[in-house]
Amino acid sequence: MSENNNKRTLHIALGVAMLLSTAVTTGCQVSVAGQTLPSSFYHLDDVQYFPKGPEFKLAREAAALKEARAEEAANRR
C-alpha cells in the first residue's frame, strides 16, 4: 500500500510541476484590482502599426450620395 501512495504522490507532484512550468513558460494575463495586466512577455510582442486613415470614414458613400442627388436634381428640370 505504501508503494501505491508513493506512486500517487509522484504523479501528483509531476502534474503540479507540469502545470507550474507551463504557467511560467507561457506567461498569462493577470487581473489585479480590476486591471488586466499583460503577461511578463509583453515586451517580446511585435508592434503593429496601423497608418492613420481619413477622418471621415464614409467619404465614398458621401460622394456617391452627392452624385445621386445631383443627378436627381438634373432629371427634375
Protein backbone atom coordinates (compact mmCIF):
# COMPACT_ATOMS: atom_id res chain seq x y z
CA MET A 1 0.00 0.00 0.00
CA SER A 2 2.92 2.31 0.66
CA GLU A 3 4.12 1.77 -2.91
CA ASN A 4 0.74 2.94 -4.28
CA ASN A 5 0.87 6.03 -2.10
CA ASN A 6 4.38 6.80 -3.34
CA LYS A 7 3.28 6.44 -6.99
CA ARG A 8 0.24 8.61 -6.40
CA THR A 9 2.31 11.27 -4.66
CA LEU A 10 4.82 11.16 -7.52
CA HIS A 11 2.05 11.54 -10.12
CA ILE A 12 0.54 14.48 -8.25
CA ALA A 13 3.95 16.12 -7.89
CA LEU A 14 4.67 15.65 -11.60
CA GLY A 15 1.27 17.07 -12.51
CA VAL A 16 1.80 20.14 -10.34
CA ALA A 17 5.31 20.60 -11.74
CA MET A 18 3.99 20.40 -15.31
CA LEU A 19 1.24 22.89 -14.56
CA LEU A 20 3.64 25.34 -12.94
CA SER A 21 6.21 25.01 -15.72
CA THR A 22 3.51 25.66 -18.32
CA ALA A 23 2.30 28.76 -16.49
CA VAL A 24 5.83 30.08 -16.04
CA THR A 25 6.98 29.50 -19.61
CA THR A 26 3.88 30.76 -21.41
CA GLY A 27 3.01 33.77 -19.28
CA CYS A 28 -0.55 34.82 -18.74
CA GLN A 29 -2.64 37.87 -18.12
CA VAL A 30 -3.35 38.75 -14.52
CA SER A 31 -6.26 40.69 -13.08
CA VAL A 32 -5.23 42.90 -10.17
CA ALA A 33 -7.62 45.39 -8.57
CA GLY A 34 -9.83 45.44 -11.65
CA GLN A 35 -6.93 45.98 -14.06
CA THR A 36 -5.94 43.41 -16.66
CA LEU A 37 -2.16 43.41 -16.72
CA PRO A 38 -0.14 41.87 -19.57
CA SER A 39 1.99 38.80 -19.27
CA SER A 40 5.65 39.10 -18.47
CA PHE A 41 6.46 38.57 -22.16
CA TYR A 42 4.67 41.68 -23.45
CA HIS A 43 8.00 43.25 -24.46
CA LEU A 44 8.63 40.41 -26.90
CA ASP A 45 5.41 41.01 -28.85
CA ASP A 46 5.67 42.53 -32.31
CA VAL A 47 4.34 46.04 -32.55
CA GLN A 48 1.62 46.51 -35.12
CA TYR A 49 1.38 49.81 -36.93
CA PHE A 50 -1.87 50.99 -38.41
CA PRO A 51 -1.43 54.13 -40.54
CA LYS A 52 -3.79 56.98 -39.87
CA GLY A 53 -6.80 56.88 -42.14
CA PRO A 54 -9.17 59.60 -43.25
CA GLU A 55 -11.09 61.37 -40.52
CA PHE A 56 -14.41 60.92 -42.32
CA LYS A 57 -14.85 57.18 -42.77
CA LEU A 58 -17.68 57.33 -45.32
CA ALA A 59 -16.06 59.51 -47.99
CA ARG A 60 -17.02 57.22 -50.92
CA GLU A 61 -20.58 56.86 -49.69
CA ALA A 62 -20.95 60.63 -49.26
CA ALA A 63 -19.59 61.24 -52.78
CA ALA A 64 -21.99 58.68 -54.26
CA LEU A 65 -24.91 60.23 -52.39
CA LYS A 66 -23.94 63.72 -53.58
CA GLU A 67 -23.70 62.47 -57.16
CA ALA A 68 -27.08 60.74 -56.91
CA ARG A 69 -28.70 63.91 -55.56
CA ALA A 70 -27.17 65.99 -58.35
CA GLU A 71 -28.40 63.52 -60.95
CA GLU A 72 -31.88 63.50 -59.41
CA ALA A 73 -31.97 67.32 -59.41
CA ALA A 74 -30.87 67.37 -63.09
CA ASN A 75 -33.65 64.89 -64.01
CA ARG A 76 -36.30 67.06 -62.33
CA ARG A 77 -35.62 70.04 -64.60
